[in-house]
Amino acid sequence: MIRKQDMKVELHHGDLPDGIEFGEFVAVDCEMMGLNPIRDRLCLVQISAGDGVCHLVKFKRGEYDAPNLVALLGNQDITKMFHFARLDLATLLAYLNVLTAPVYCTKIASKLVRTFTQHHGLKVLCKELINVDMSKQQTCTDWGAHTLTKEQLEYAALDVLYLHEIKDKLHEMIVREERVELAQSCFDFLPSRVVLDLAGWEDMDIFLH
């Protein structure tokens, strides 16, 4: 298991550098100015291959030309893992103009298989599945600042550091409970879900009568 003290954080500005290989499964997270992708701009994208190295891509306001990152997010041979993918995918589409796929959402996975609880946050999953105490102290912070603090960078990196391990634990449960096809159907629908969100149907169930 990868531990916080062994984590390596690499900060990039504007895009990923050339030549980084992430493998078939990559953990991704975003930090924004808020929770509304139309109003609250994208500030940071965190990426990890599950090897303890966390790549952080910091964006300046209005500067979102990131061809290397976009190529990774749109690569159909690489599964992008998120926790609460819906918001991150909508933000990435709004600012980087990329419909991220294929995806795996650990929050959806948790809701599908951990039906004995209403608690599906990343902090809870870290504690219950891999016995890691995660601090969420930097959740409400200014991600648009010109210079991010060491604490902000570490917090952002931790959001992707453990995602591979959490995904593996949840997927074991999904297989055990025979909900693999159901989970995959939910993941496959996520890109369409975020298109609906950005088009104005985020609060409406179009399947109702």
C-alpha atoms as a PDB file:
ATOM      1  CA  MET A   1       0.000   0.000   0.000  1.00  0.00           C
ATOM      2  CA  ILE A   2       1.201   3.498  -0.881  1.00  0.00           C
ATOM      3  CA  ARG A   3       1.472   5.805   2.106  1.00  0.00           C
ATOM      4  CA  LYS A   4       1.361   9.582   2.380  1.00  0.00           C
ATOM      5  CA  GLN A   5       4.988   9.817   3.442  1.00  0.00           C
ATOM      6  CA  ASP A   6       6.082   8.027   0.254  1.00  0.00           C
ATOM      7  CA  MET A   7       4.021  10.276  -2.047  1.00  0.00           C
ATOM      8  CA  LYS A   8       5.784  12.364  -4.668  1.00  0.00           C
ATOM      9  CA  VAL A   9       4.060  15.492  -5.993  1.00  0.00           C
ATOM     10  CA  GLU A  10       4.986  17.000  -9.351  1.00  0.00           C
ATOM     11  CA  LEU A  11       3.439  20.369 -10.226  1.00  0.00           C
ATOM     12  CA  HIS A  12       3.012  21.359 -13.886  1.00  0.00           C
ATOM     13  CA  HIS A  13       1.663  24.588 -15.320  1.00  0.00           C
ATOM     14  CA  GLY A  14      -0.870  24.589 -18.140  1.00  0.00           C
ATOM     15  CA  ASP A  15      -0.477  20.980 -19.305  1.00  0.00           C
ATOM     16  CA  LEU A  16       1.188  17.655 -18.686  1.00  0.00           C
ATOM     17  CA  PRO A  17       4.727  17.419 -20.049  1.00  0.00           C
ATOM     18  CA  ASP A  18       5.446  15.158 -22.999  1.00  0.00           C
ATOM     19  CA  GLY A  19       6.305  11.509 -22.502  1.00  0.00           C
ATOM     20  CA  ILE A  20       4.505  10.572 -19.278  1.00  0.00           C
ATOM     21  CA  GLU A  21       2.998   7.075 -19.329  1.00  0.00           C
ATOM     22  CA  PHE A  22       0.131   6.323 -16.959  1.00  0.00           C
ATOM     23  CA  GLY A  23      -0.917   2.786 -17.883  1.00  0.00           C
ATOM     24  CA  GLU A  24      -4.448   1.464 -18.399  1.00  0.00           C
ATOM     25  CA  PHE A  25      -5.997   2.902 -15.219  1.00  0.00           C
ATOM     26  CA  VAL A  26      -5.388   6.470 -14.081  1.00  0.00           C
ATOM     27  CA  ALA A  27      -6.856   8.293 -11.091  1.00  0.00           C
ATOM     28  CA  VAL A  28      -8.093  11.813 -11.824  1.00  0.00           C
ATOM     29  CA  ASP A  29      -9.553  14.633  -9.732  1.00  0.00           C
ATOM     30  CA  CYS A  30     -10.243  18.334 -10.215  1.00  0.00           C
ATOM     31  CA  GLU A  31     -10.185  21.379  -7.976  1.00  0.00           C
ATOM     32  CA  MET A  32     -12.423  24.287  -8.887  1.00  0.00           C
ATOM     33  CA  MET A  33     -13.449  27.629  -7.412  1.00  0.00           C
ATOM     34  CA  GLY A  34     -16.760  26.049  -6.429  1.00  0.00           C
ATOM     35  CA  LEU A  35     -19.254  23.367  -7.381  1.00  0.00           C
ATOM     36  CA  ASN A  36     -20.910  25.011 -10.385  1.00  0.00           C
ATOM     37  CA  PRO A  37     -18.924  24.206 -13.561  1.00  0.00           C
ATOM     38  CA  ILE A  38     -20.486  27.100 -15.468  1.00  0.00           C
ATOM     39  CA  ARG A  39     -19.671  29.702 -12.822  1.00  0.00           C
ATOM     40  CA  ASP A  40     -16.678  28.219 -10.999  1.00  0.00           C
ATOM     41  CA  ARG A  41     -13.568  27.820 -13.091  1.00  0.00           C
ATOM     42  CA  LEU A  42     -11.220  24.850 -13.266  1.00  0.00           C
ATOM     43  CA  CYS A  43      -8.031  25.500 -11.309  1.00  0.00           C
ATOM     44  CA  LEU A  44      -6.195  22.201 -10.925  1.00  0.00           C
ATOM     45  CA  VAL A  45      -6.274  18.659 -12.317  1.00  0.00           C
ATOM     46  CA  GLN A  46      -4.637  15.845 -10.341  1.00  0.00           C
ATOM     47  CA  ILE A  47      -3.518  12.592 -11.968  1.00  0.00           C
ATOM     48  CA  SER A  48      -1.853   9.434 -10.658  1.00  0.00           C
ATOM     49  CA  ALA A  49      -1.044   6.045 -12.147  1.00  0.00           C
ATOM     50  CA  GLY A  50      -1.267   4.465  -8.698  1.00  0.00           C
ATOM     51  CA  ASP A  51       2.506   4.434  -8.251  1.00  0.00           C
ATOM     52  CA  GLY A  52       2.705   7.099  -5.553  1.00  0.00           C
ATOM     53  CA  VAL A  53       3.507   9.893  -8.011  1.00  0.00           C
ATOM     54  CA  CYS A  54       0.820  12.579  -8.276  1.00  0.00           C
ATOM     55  CA  HIS A  55       0.963  14.967 -11.216  1.00  0.00           C
ATOM     56  CA  LEU A  56      -0.838  18.264 -10.647  1.00  0.00           C
ATOM     57  CA  VAL A  57      -1.673  20.526 -13.597  1.00  0.00           C
ATOM     58  CA  LYS A  58      -2.370  24.116 -12.531  1.00  0.00           C
ATOM     59  CA  PHE A  59      -4.335  26.434 -14.820  1.00  0.00           C
ATOM     60  CA  LYS A  60      -4.384  30.217 -15.055  1.00  0.00           C
ATOM     61  CA  ARG A  61      -7.743  31.854 -15.570  1.00  0.00           C
ATOM     62  CA  GLY A  62      -8.763  31.640 -19.234  1.00  0.00           C
ATOM     63  CA  GLU A  63      -5.753  29.538 -20.299  1.00  0.00           C
ATOM     64  CA  TYR A  64      -6.940  26.002 -20.995  1.00  0.00           C
ATOM     65  CA  ASP A  65      -4.929  24.821 -23.989  1.00  0.00           C
ATOM     66  CA  ALA A  66      -3.670  21.470 -22.676  1.00  0.00           C
ATOM     67  CA  PRO A  67      -3.280  19.004 -25.583  1.00  0.00           C
ATOM     68  CA  ASN A  68      -1.389  16.342 -23.598  1.00  0.00           C
ATOM     69  CA  LEU A  69      -3.949  16.288 -20.808  1.00  0.00           C
ATOM     70  CA  VAL A  70      -6.845  16.318 -23.270  1.00  0.00           C
ATOM     71  CA  ALA A  71      -5.318  13.401 -25.179  1.00  0.00           C
ATOM     72  CA  LEU A  72      -5.086  11.397 -21.956  1.00  0.00           C
ATOM     73  CA  LEU A  73      -8.653  12.162 -20.894  1.00  0.00           C
ATOM     74  CA  GLY A  74     -10.040  11.218 -24.288  1.00  0.00           C
ATOM     75  CA  ASN A  75      -7.930   8.091 -24.762  1.00  0.00           C
ATOM     76  CA  GLN A  76     -10.346   5.171 -25.126  1.00  0.00           C
ATOM     77  CA  ASP A  77      -7.670   2.691 -24.031  1.00  0.00           C
ATOM     78  CA  ILE A  78      -7.198   4.302 -20.612  1.00  0.00           C
ATOM     79  CA  THR A  79      -9.867   4.124 -17.903  1.00  0.00           C
ATOM     80  CA  LYS A  80     -10.073   7.324 -15.876  1.00  0.00           C
ATOM     81  CA  MET A  81     -11.073   6.774 -12.241  1.00  0.00           C
ATOM     82  CA  PHE A  82     -12.831   9.517 -10.278  1.00  0.00           C
ATOM     83  CA  HIS A  83     -14.642   9.926  -6.998  1.00  0.00           C
ATOM     84  CA  PHE A  84     -17.932  11.628  -7.940  1.00  0.00           C
ATOM     85  CA  ALA A  85     -17.068  11.681 -11.633  1.00  0.00           C
ATOM     86  CA  ARG A  86     -20.181  13.630 -12.624  1.00  0.00           C
ATOM     87  CA  LEU A  87     -18.902  17.003 -11.430  1.00  0.00           C
ATOM     88  CA  ASP A  88     -15.339  16.491 -12.636  1.00  0.00           C
ATOM     89  CA  LEU A  89     -16.425  15.333 -16.090  1.00  0.00           C
ATOM     90  CA  ALA A  90     -18.728  18.321 -16.476  1.00  0.00           C
ATOM     91  CA  THR A  91     -15.923  20.685 -15.478  1.00  0.00           C
ATOM     92  CA  LEU A  92     -13.428  19.071 -17.843  1.00  0.00           C
ATOM     93  CA  LEU A  93     -15.921  19.299 -20.684  1.00  0.00           C
ATOM     94  CA  ALA A  94     -16.729  22.928 -19.918  1.00  0.00           C
ATOM     95  CA  TYR A  95     -13.106  24.109 -19.717  1.00  0.00           C
ATOM     96  CA  LEU A  96     -10.973  21.645 -21.707  1.00  0.00           C
ATOM     97  CA  ASN A  97     -13.666  20.741 -24.245  1.00  0.00           C
ATOM     98  CA  VAL A  98     -13.057  17.023 -23.781  1.00  0.00           C
ATOM     99  CA  LEU A  99     -15.671  14.370 -23.067  1.00  0.00           C
ATOM    100  CA  THR A 100     -13.698  12.126 -20.729  1.00  0.00           C
ATOM    101  CA  ALA A 101     -14.181   8.388 -21.307  1.00  0.00           C
ATOM    102  CA  PRO A 102     -14.092   5.585 -20.392  1.00  0.00           C
ATOM    103  CA  VAL A 103     -14.566   6.253 -16.692  1.00  0.00           C
ATOM    104  CA  TYR A 104     -14.945   4.464 -13.354  1.00  0.00           C
ATOM    105  CA  CYS A 105     -16.612   6.318 -10.481  1.00  0.00           C
ATOM    106  CA  THR A 106     -15.852   5.065  -6.973  1.00  0.00           C
ATOM    107  CA  LYS A 107     -18.771   7.009  -5.519  1.00  0.00           C
ATOM    108  CA  ILE A 108     -21.240   5.263  -7.827  1.00  0.00           C
ATOM    109  CA  ALA A 109     -19.538   1.946  -7.117  1.00  0.00           C
ATOM    110  CA  SER A 110     -19.876   2.539  -3.388  1.00  0.00           C
ATOM    111  CA  LYS A 111     -23.564   3.432  -3.679  1.00  0.00           C
ATOM    112  CA  LEU A 112     -24.233   0.312  -5.722  1.00  0.00           C
ATOM    113  CA  VAL A 113     -22.568  -2.116  -3.337  1.00  0.00           C
ATOM    114  CA  ARG A 114     -22.318  -0.480   0.112  1.00  0.00           C
ATOM    115  CA  THR A 115     -26.090  -0.280   0.486  1.00  0.00           C
ATOM    116  CA  PHE A 116     -25.808  -0.743   4.252  1.00  0.00           C
ATOM    117  CA  THR A 117     -24.757   2.918   4.674  1.00  0.00           C
ATOM    118  CA  GLN A 118     -25.498   6.426   3.427  1.00  0.00           C
ATOM    119  CA  HIS A 119     -21.855   7.482   3.760  1.00  0.00           C
ATOM    120  CA  HIS A 120     -19.934   7.319   0.478  1.00  0.00           C
ATOM    121  CA  GLY A 121     -17.424  10.172   0.745  1.00  0.00           C
ATOM    122  CA  LEU A 122     -13.769   9.638  -0.105  1.00  0.00           C
ATOM    123  CA  LYS A 123     -12.685  10.159   3.497  1.00  0.00           C
ATOM    124  CA  VAL A 124     -15.073   7.428   4.671  1.00  0.00           C
ATOM    125  CA  LEU A 125     -13.990   5.007   1.948  1.00  0.00           C
ATOM    126  CA  CYS A 126     -10.319   5.556   2.770  1.00  0.00           C
ATOM    127  CA  LYS A 127     -10.928   4.747   6.413  1.00  0.00           C
ATOM    128  CA  GLU A 128     -13.277   1.797   5.975  1.00  0.00           C
ATOM    129  CA  LEU A 129     -11.694   0.112   2.957  1.00  0.00           C
ATOM    130  CA  ILE A 130      -7.955   0.726   3.320  1.00  0.00           C
ATOM    131  CA  ASN A 131      -7.662   2.000   6.931  1.00  0.00           C
ATOM    132  CA  VAL A 132      -6.268   5.413   5.987  1.00  0.00           C
ATOM    133  CA  ASP A 133      -7.280   8.594   7.821  1.00  0.00           C
ATOM    134  CA  MET A 134      -7.607  11.362   5.245  1.00  0.00           C
ATOM    135  CA  SER A 135      -7.793  15.021   6.228  1.00  0.00           C
ATOM    136  CA  LYS A 136     -10.319  17.152   4.311  1.00  0.00           C
ATOM    137  CA  GLN A 137      -9.190  20.396   5.962  1.00  0.00           C
ATOM    138  CA  GLN A 138      -8.276  22.066   2.672  1.00  0.00           C
ATOM    139  CA  THR A 139     -11.621  21.340   0.971  1.00  0.00           C
ATOM    140  CA  CYS A 140     -12.839  24.934   1.254  1.00  0.00           C
ATOM    141  CA  THR A 141      -9.818  26.870   0.043  1.00  0.00           C
ATOM    142  CA  ASP A 142      -8.851  29.264  -2.748  1.00  0.00           C
ATOM    143  CA  TRP A 143      -7.703  26.997  -5.558  1.00  0.00           C
ATOM    144  CA  GLY A 144      -7.428  29.985  -7.890  1.00  0.00           C
ATOM    145  CA  ALA A 145      -4.584  31.550  -5.903  1.00  0.00           C
ATOM    146  CA  HIS A 146      -1.491  32.524  -7.888  1.00  0.00           C
ATOM    147  CA  THR A 147       0.661  30.251  -5.710  1.00  0.00           C
ATOM    148  CA  LEU A 148      -0.748  27.204  -3.958  1.00  0.00           C
ATOM    149  CA  THR A 149       0.530  26.291  -0.510  1.00  0.00           C
ATOM    150  CA  LYS A 150       2.298  23.050   0.323  1.00  0.00           C
ATOM    151  CA  GLU A 151      -0.814  22.016   2.258  1.00  0.00           C
ATOM    152  CA  GLN A 152      -3.050  22.636  -0.758  1.00  0.00           C
ATOM    153  CA  LEU A 153      -0.800  20.649  -3.079  1.00  0.00           C
ATOM    154  CA  GLU A 154      -0.601  17.755  -0.635  1.00  0.00           C
ATOM    155  CA  TYR A 155      -4.361  17.726  -0.133  1.00  0.00           C
ATOM    156  CA  ALA A 156      -4.970  17.722  -3.887  1.00  0.00           C
ATOM    157  CA  ALA A 157      -2.522  14.878  -4.421  1.00  0.00           C
ATOM    158  CA  LEU A 158      -4.113  12.743  -1.703  1.00  0.00           C
ATOM    159  CA  ASP A 159      -7.414  12.828  -3.589  1.00  0.00           C
ATOM    160  CA  VAL A 160      -5.866  10.580  -6.250  1.00  0.00           C
ATOM    161  CA  LEU A 161      -3.168   8.765  -4.251  1.00  0.00           C
ATOM    162  CA  TYR A 162      -5.466   6.039  -2.885  1.00  0.00           C
ATOM    163  CA  LEU A 163      -8.069   5.816  -5.649  1.00  0.00           C
ATOM    164  CA  HIS A 164      -6.627   2.700  -7.297  1.00  0.00           C
ATOM    165  CA  GLU A 165      -6.739   0.770  -4.023  1.00  0.00           C
ATOM    166  CA  ILE A 166     -10.264   1.947  -3.236  1.00  0.00           C
ATOM    167  CA  LYS A 167     -11.450   1.030  -6.722  1.00  0.00           C
ATOM    168  CA  ASP A 168      -9.999  -2.481  -6.369  1.00  0.00           C
ATOM    169  CA  LYS A 169     -11.731  -3.028  -3.009  1.00  0.00           C
ATOM    170  CA  LEU A 170     -15.073  -1.778  -4.310  1.00  0.00           C
ATOM    171  CA  HIS A 171     -14.830  -3.802  -7.479  1.00  0.00           C
ATOM    172  CA  GLU A 172     -14.263  -6.976  -5.489  1.00  0.00           C
ATOM    173  CA  MET A 173     -17.544  -6.266  -3.729  1.00  0.00           C
ATOM    174  CA  ILE A 174     -19.317  -5.490  -7.004  1.00  0.00           C
ATOM    175  CA  VAL A 175     -18.170  -8.805  -8.468  1.00  0.00           C
ATOM    176  CA  ARG A 176     -19.208 -10.630  -5.307  1.00  0.00           C
ATOM    177  CA  GLU A 177     -22.693  -9.088  -5.391  1.00  0.00           C
ATOM    178  CA  GLU A 178     -23.027  -9.719  -9.142  1.00  0.00           C
ATOM    179  CA  ARG A 179     -23.523  -6.056 -10.085  1.00  0.00           C
ATOM    180  CA  VAL A 180     -20.710  -5.690 -12.620  1.00  0.00           C
ATOM    181  CA  GLU A 181     -22.947  -5.081 -15.625  1.00  0.00           C
ATOM    182  CA  LEU A 182     -25.118  -2.627 -13.705  1.00  0.00           C
ATOM    183  CA  ALA A 183     -22.070  -0.672 -12.548  1.00  0.00           C
ATOM    184  CA  GLN A 184     -20.595  -0.589 -16.039  1.00  0.00           C
ATOM    185  CA  SER A 185     -23.876   0.684 -17.466  1.00  0.00           C
ATOM    186  CA  CYS A 186     -23.812   3.558 -14.976  1.00  0.00           C
ATOM    187  CA  PHE A 187     -20.211   4.419 -15.833  1.00  0.00           C
ATOM    188  CA  ASP A 188     -20.953   4.299 -19.567  1.00  0.00           C
ATOM    189  CA  PHE A 189     -23.846   6.741 -19.111  1.00  0.00           C
ATOM    190  CA  LEU A 190     -21.794   9.348 -17.238  1.00  0.00           C
ATOM    191  CA  PRO A 191     -20.537  11.251 -20.332  1.00  0.00           C
ATOM    192  CA  SER A 192     -24.143  11.648 -21.521  1.00  0.00           C
ATOM    193  CA  ARG A 193     -25.198  12.652 -18.001  1.00  0.00           C
ATOM    194  CA  VAL A 194     -22.725  15.532 -17.904  1.00  0.00           C
ATOM    195  CA  VAL A 195     -23.776  16.734 -21.360  1.00  0.00           C
ATOM    196  CA  LEU A 196     -27.321  16.921 -19.993  1.00  0.00           C
ATOM    197  CA  ASP A 197     -26.026  18.772 -16.921  1.00  0.00           C
ATOM    198  CA  LEU A 198     -24.276  21.437 -18.958  1.00  0.00           C
ATOM    199  CA  ALA A 199     -27.248  21.737 -21.309  1.00  0.00           C
ATOM    200  CA  GLY A 200     -29.573  22.661 -18.436  1.00  0.00           C
ATOM    201  CA  TRP A 201     -31.107  19.347 -17.294  1.00  0.00           C
ATOM    202  CA  GLU A 202     -28.980  18.840 -14.167  1.00  0.00           C
ATOM    203  CA  ASP A 203     -31.963  18.984 -11.763  1.00  0.00           C
ATOM    204  CA  MET A 204     -34.605  17.299 -13.922  1.00  0.00           C
ATOM    205  CA  ASP A 205     -35.330  13.596 -14.240  1.00  0.00           C
ATOM    206  CA  ILE A 206     -36.190  13.276 -17.913  1.00  0.00           C
ATOM    207  CA  PHE A 207     -37.348   9.685 -17.331  1.00  0.00           C
ATOM    208  CA  LEU A 208     -40.321  10.786 -15.242  1.00  0.00           C
ATOM    209  CA  HIS A 209     -43.795  10.898 -16.791  1.00  0.00           C
END
